[in-house]
Amino acid sequence: MDVSNAVRQHVEEKVAKLPRFYDNIQTIEVKLDNEADKSVVEIIAHAKKKHTFIAHHRDENLYSSLDMCMEKITEQLRRHKDKVRDRQGPTHDETAEAFKE
């Protein structure tokens, strides 16, 4: 799909926000396509330790499809970050508080 500079810039601005949610992202691919008068957006984020996050959405409007796709992948990244953080155990401050009591 040929995209205009405005669409390209919009996609880059949106995707640039993803490392805020999970900082171990190494590469991000965005695929834009048209299928039967609908825009299809697919975002693939590759992170460290072979974690891959994939989100896709199909809508009549390209911008709304991109926004929905961003919501989906953002939620995946947040859940993964929470899961990783929960596995790491309590921080040093929390452990010190437990010993004081």
N, C-alpha and C. Protein backbone atom coordinates (compact mmCIF):
# COMPACT_ATOMS: atom_id res chain seq x y z
N MET A 1 0.85 -1.18 0.00
CA MET A 1 0.00 0.00 0.00
C MET A 1 0.89 1.24 0.00
N ASP A 2 0.64 2.15 -0.89
CA ASP A 2 1.35 3.42 -0.90
C ASP A 2 0.72 4.35 0.14
N VAL A 3 1.56 4.92 0.97
CA VAL A 3 1.06 5.81 2.02
C VAL A 3 1.60 7.22 1.81
N SER A 4 0.81 8.17 2.21
CA SER A 4 1.23 9.56 2.10
C SER A 4 2.17 9.89 3.26
N ASN A 5 2.82 11.01 3.13
CA ASN A 5 3.73 11.44 4.20
C ASN A 5 2.98 11.70 5.50
N ALA A 6 1.75 12.20 5.39
CA ALA A 6 0.95 12.46 6.59
C ALA A 6 0.64 11.16 7.34
N VAL A 7 0.28 10.12 6.60
CA VAL A 7 -0.01 8.83 7.23
C VAL A 7 1.27 8.25 7.83
N ARG A 8 2.36 8.32 7.09
CA ARG A 8 3.64 7.81 7.58
C ARG A 8 4.04 8.52 8.88
N GLN A 9 3.89 9.82 8.92
CA GLN A 9 4.25 10.60 10.10
C GLN A 9 3.35 10.24 11.28
N HIS A 10 2.05 10.06 11.01
CA HIS A 10 1.10 9.70 12.06
C HIS A 10 1.47 8.33 12.65
N VAL A 11 1.79 7.39 11.79
CA VAL A 11 2.17 6.05 12.25
C VAL A 11 3.44 6.12 13.09
N GLU A 12 4.42 6.85 12.63
CA GLU A 12 5.68 6.95 13.36
C GLU A 12 5.50 7.61 14.73
N GLU A 13 4.64 8.62 14.80
CA GLU A 13 4.36 9.28 16.09
C GLU A 13 3.70 8.30 17.07
N LYS A 14 2.75 7.54 16.57
CA LYS A 14 2.04 6.59 17.43
C LYS A 14 2.98 5.48 17.92
N VAL A 15 3.74 4.92 16.99
CA VAL A 15 4.61 3.79 17.32
C VAL A 15 5.77 4.22 18.23
N ALA A 16 6.19 5.46 18.13
CA ALA A 16 7.29 5.95 18.96
C ALA A 16 6.92 5.93 20.45
N LYS A 17 5.64 5.87 20.77
CA LYS A 17 5.20 5.85 22.16
C LYS A 17 5.26 4.46 22.79
N LEU A 18 5.42 3.42 22.00
CA LEU A 18 5.39 2.06 22.54
C LEU A 18 6.49 1.76 23.56
N PRO A 19 7.72 2.21 23.37
CA PRO A 19 8.74 1.91 24.39
C PRO A 19 8.42 2.48 25.78
N ARG A 20 7.50 3.41 25.87
CA ARG A 20 7.07 3.92 27.18
C ARG A 20 6.40 2.82 28.00
N PHE A 21 5.73 1.91 27.30
CA PHE A 21 4.99 0.86 27.99
C PHE A 21 5.84 -0.36 28.31
N TYR A 22 6.87 -0.60 27.49
CA TYR A 22 7.78 -1.72 27.72
C TYR A 22 9.10 -1.35 27.07
N ASP A 23 10.12 -1.16 27.86
CA ASP A 23 11.37 -0.59 27.34
C ASP A 23 12.32 -1.60 26.71
N ASN A 24 11.96 -2.87 26.66
CA ASN A 24 12.83 -3.88 26.05
C ASN A 24 12.46 -4.17 24.59
N ILE A 25 11.72 -3.30 23.97
CA ILE A 25 11.34 -3.48 22.56
C ILE A 25 12.57 -3.22 21.69
N GLN A 26 12.83 -4.14 20.78
CA GLN A 26 13.98 -4.00 19.90
C GLN A 26 13.58 -3.49 18.51
N THR A 27 12.54 -4.06 17.92
CA THR A 27 12.08 -3.61 16.60
C THR A 27 10.55 -3.58 16.58
N ILE A 28 10.05 -2.69 15.73
CA ILE A 28 8.60 -2.57 15.54
C ILE A 28 8.33 -2.53 14.04
N GLU A 29 7.41 -3.38 13.59
CA GLU A 29 6.99 -3.39 12.20
C GLU A 29 5.53 -2.95 12.14
N VAL A 30 5.20 -2.14 11.16
CA VAL A 30 3.82 -1.74 10.95
C VAL A 30 3.46 -2.08 9.51
N LYS A 31 2.41 -2.86 9.35
CA LYS A 31 1.96 -3.26 8.02
C LYS A 31 0.60 -2.63 7.77
N LEU A 32 0.49 -1.93 6.66
CA LEU A 32 -0.77 -1.30 6.26
C LEU A 32 -1.23 -1.94 4.96
N ASP A 33 -2.52 -2.23 4.87
CA ASP A 33 -3.04 -2.89 3.68
C ASP A 33 -4.50 -2.49 3.48
N ASN A 34 -4.97 -2.64 2.26
CA ASN A 34 -6.38 -2.43 1.93
C ASN A 34 -6.96 -3.76 1.48
N GLU A 35 -8.08 -4.13 2.08
CA GLU A 35 -8.78 -5.35 1.70
C GLU A 35 -10.27 -5.04 1.61
N ALA A 36 -10.81 -5.14 0.43
CA ALA A 36 -12.26 -4.97 0.22
C ALA A 36 -12.77 -3.69 0.87
N ASP A 37 -12.19 -2.58 0.53
CA ASP A 37 -12.59 -1.26 1.02
C ASP A 37 -12.41 -1.08 2.53
N LYS A 38 -11.57 -1.89 3.13
CA LYS A 38 -11.27 -1.73 4.55
C LYS A 38 -9.76 -1.65 4.72
N SER A 39 -9.35 -0.84 5.65
CA SER A 39 -7.93 -0.70 5.95
C SER A 39 -7.55 -1.71 7.02
N VAL A 40 -6.44 -2.37 6.79
CA VAL A 40 -5.95 -3.36 7.74
C VAL A 40 -4.60 -2.87 8.26
N VAL A 41 -4.48 -2.82 9.58
CA VAL A 41 -3.23 -2.41 10.21
C VAL A 41 -2.76 -3.56 11.09
N GLU A 42 -1.49 -3.88 10.98
CA GLU A 42 -0.89 -4.91 11.83
C GLU A 42 0.41 -4.34 12.40
N ILE A 43 0.56 -4.46 13.71
CA ILE A 43 1.77 -4.00 14.39
C ILE A 43 2.43 -5.21 15.03
N ILE A 44 3.71 -5.37 14.74
CA ILE A 44 4.48 -6.47 15.31
C ILE A 44 5.66 -5.86 16.07
N ALA A 45 5.74 -6.14 17.35
CA ALA A 45 6.83 -5.63 18.18
C ALA A 45 7.66 -6.80 18.68
N HIS A 46 8.94 -6.76 18.39
CA HIS A 46 9.87 -7.78 18.86
C HIS A 46 10.63 -7.22 20.05
N ALA A 47 10.65 -7.99 21.14
CA ALA A 47 11.33 -7.56 22.35
C ALA A 47 12.43 -8.56 22.70
N LYS A 48 13.18 -8.22 23.73
CA LYS A 48 14.25 -9.11 24.18
C LYS A 48 13.68 -10.45 24.63
N LYS A 49 14.54 -11.44 24.67
CA LYS A 49 14.19 -12.80 25.09
C LYS A 49 13.11 -13.42 24.20
N LYS A 50 13.14 -13.07 22.93
CA LYS A 50 12.26 -13.66 21.91
C LYS A 50 10.77 -13.46 22.17
N HIS A 51 10.41 -12.39 22.81
CA HIS A 51 9.00 -12.06 22.99
C HIS A 51 8.51 -11.29 21.78
N THR A 52 7.40 -11.70 21.23
CA THR A 52 6.81 -11.03 20.08
C THR A 52 5.36 -10.68 20.42
N PHE A 53 5.00 -9.44 20.13
CA PHE A 53 3.65 -8.96 20.38
C PHE A 53 3.04 -8.57 19.05
N ILE A 54 1.85 -9.08 18.77
CA ILE A 54 1.21 -8.84 17.48
C ILE A 54 -0.21 -8.34 17.72
N ALA A 55 -0.57 -7.28 17.01
CA ALA A 55 -1.94 -6.76 17.08
C ALA A 55 -2.36 -6.38 15.66
N HIS A 56 -3.60 -6.67 15.32
CA HIS A 56 -4.10 -6.23 14.02
C HIS A 56 -5.57 -5.82 14.17
N HIS A 57 -5.96 -4.93 13.28
CA HIS A 57 -7.33 -4.45 13.30
C HIS A 57 -7.75 -4.06 11.89
N ARG A 58 -9.02 -4.27 11.58
CA ARG A 58 -9.57 -3.96 10.26
C ARG A 58 -10.74 -3.00 10.46
N ASP A 59 -10.70 -1.89 9.72
CA ASP A 59 -11.76 -0.88 9.84
C ASP A 59 -11.85 -0.12 8.53
N GLU A 60 -12.92 0.61 8.34
CA GLU A 60 -13.08 1.39 7.12
C GLU A 60 -12.13 2.59 7.09
N ASN A 61 -11.81 3.14 8.24
CA ASN A 61 -10.95 4.30 8.35
C ASN A 61 -9.55 3.85 8.79
N LEU A 62 -8.53 4.26 8.06
CA LEU A 62 -7.16 3.87 8.36
C LEU A 62 -6.72 4.38 9.73
N TYR A 63 -7.06 5.62 10.05
CA TYR A 63 -6.63 6.21 11.32
C TYR A 63 -7.29 5.52 12.52
N SER A 64 -8.56 5.20 12.42
CA SER A 64 -9.22 4.51 13.53
C SER A 64 -8.71 3.08 13.65
N SER A 65 -8.38 2.47 12.54
CA SER A 65 -7.80 1.13 12.57
C SER A 65 -6.45 1.16 13.27
N LEU A 66 -5.65 2.16 12.98
CA LEU A 66 -4.35 2.31 13.64
C LEU A 66 -4.52 2.55 15.13
N ASP A 67 -5.46 3.40 15.50
CA ASP A 67 -5.70 3.69 16.91
C ASP A 67 -6.13 2.43 17.68
N MET A 68 -7.03 1.65 17.10
CA MET A 68 -7.48 0.42 17.76
C MET A 68 -6.34 -0.58 17.88
N CYS A 69 -5.53 -0.67 16.85
CA CYS A 69 -4.38 -1.57 16.86
C CYS A 69 -3.39 -1.15 17.95
N MET A 70 -3.18 0.15 18.09
CA MET A 70 -2.29 0.66 19.13
C MET A 70 -2.82 0.32 20.52
N GLU A 71 -4.12 0.43 20.71
CA GLU A 71 -4.71 0.08 22.00
C GLU A 71 -4.47 -1.39 22.33
N LYS A 72 -4.63 -2.25 21.33
CA LYS A 72 -4.44 -3.68 21.55
C LYS A 72 -3.00 -4.01 21.92
N ILE A 73 -2.06 -3.47 21.17
CA ILE A 73 -0.66 -3.81 21.45
C ILE A 73 -0.18 -3.16 22.75
N THR A 74 -0.70 -1.99 23.06
CA THR A 74 -0.35 -1.33 24.32
C THR A 74 -0.81 -2.17 25.50
N GLU A 75 -1.99 -2.71 25.41
CA GLU A 75 -2.51 -3.56 26.48
C GLU A 75 -1.66 -4.83 26.63
N GLN A 76 -1.24 -5.42 25.51
CA GLN A 76 -0.37 -6.59 25.57
C GLN A 76 0.95 -6.26 26.27
N LEU A 77 1.52 -5.13 25.92
CA LEU A 77 2.80 -4.72 26.51
C LEU A 77 2.65 -4.44 28.00
N ARG A 78 1.57 -3.80 28.39
CA ARG A 78 1.34 -3.51 29.81
C ARG A 78 1.20 -4.80 30.61
N ARG A 79 0.40 -5.74 30.09
CA ARG A 79 0.21 -7.00 30.79
C ARG A 79 1.52 -7.76 30.94
N HIS A 80 2.32 -7.76 29.87
CA HIS A 80 3.61 -8.46 29.93
C HIS A 80 4.54 -7.79 30.94
N LYS A 81 4.59 -6.48 30.94
CA LYS A 81 5.46 -5.77 31.88
C LYS A 81 5.03 -6.05 33.32
N ASP A 82 3.72 -6.05 33.58
CA ASP A 82 3.22 -6.36 34.92
C ASP A 82 3.59 -7.78 35.33
N LYS A 83 3.48 -8.72 34.40
CA LYS A 83 3.81 -10.10 34.69
C LYS A 83 5.30 -10.25 35.02
N VAL A 84 6.15 -9.59 34.26
CA VAL A 84 7.59 -9.65 34.50
C VAL A 84 7.92 -9.00 35.84
N ARG A 85 7.30 -7.89 36.13
CA ARG A 85 7.55 -7.18 37.39
C ARG A 85 7.10 -8.02 38.58
N ASP A 86 5.95 -8.70 38.46
CA ASP A 86 5.45 -9.53 39.56
C ASP A 86 6.36 -10.71 39.83
N ARG A 87 7.02 -11.24 38.81
CA ARG A 87 7.92 -12.38 38.98
C ARG A 87 9.22 -12.00 39.68
N GLN A 88 9.58 -10.73 39.66
CA GLN A 88 10.86 -10.31 40.22
C GLN A 88 10.86 -10.28 41.74
N GLY A 89 9.72 -10.32 42.35
CA GLY A 89 9.65 -10.32 43.80
C GLY A 89 9.65 -8.93 44.38
N PRO A 90 9.59 -8.84 45.70
CA PRO A 90 9.53 -7.52 46.34
C PRO A 90 10.86 -6.78 46.22
N THR A 91 10.76 -5.48 46.26
CA THR A 91 11.97 -4.66 46.20
C THR A 91 12.66 -4.67 47.56
N HIS A 92 13.84 -4.13 47.61
CA HIS A 92 14.62 -4.08 48.86
C HIS A 92 13.87 -3.31 49.94
N ASP A 93 13.22 -2.21 49.57
CA ASP A 93 12.48 -1.39 50.54
C ASP A 93 11.33 -2.17 51.15
N GLU A 94 10.61 -2.96 50.32
CA GLU A 94 9.50 -3.72 50.83
C GLU A 94 9.98 -4.81 51.78
N THR A 95 11.12 -5.42 51.48
CA THR A 95 11.68 -6.46 52.34
C THR A 95 12.12 -5.86 53.68
N ALA A 96 12.73 -4.69 53.65
CA ALA A 96 13.17 -4.03 54.88
C ALA A 96 11.98 -3.69 55.77
N GLU A 97 10.88 -3.24 55.16
CA GLU A 97 9.67 -2.92 55.92
C GLU A 97 9.12 -4.16 56.60
N ALA A 98 9.17 -5.30 55.93
CA ALA A 98 8.65 -6.53 56.49
C ALA A 98 9.45 -6.96 57.73
N PHE A 99 10.76 -6.73 57.72
CA PHE A 99 11.60 -7.11 58.85
C PHE A 99 11.43 -6.17 60.04
N LYS A 100 11.02 -4.93 59.80
CA LYS A 100 10.81 -3.98 60.88
C LYS A 100 9.62 -4.37 61.75
N GLU A 101 8.64 -4.94 61.12
CA GLU A 101 7.41 -5.30 61.84
C GLU A 101 7.66 -6.55 62.57
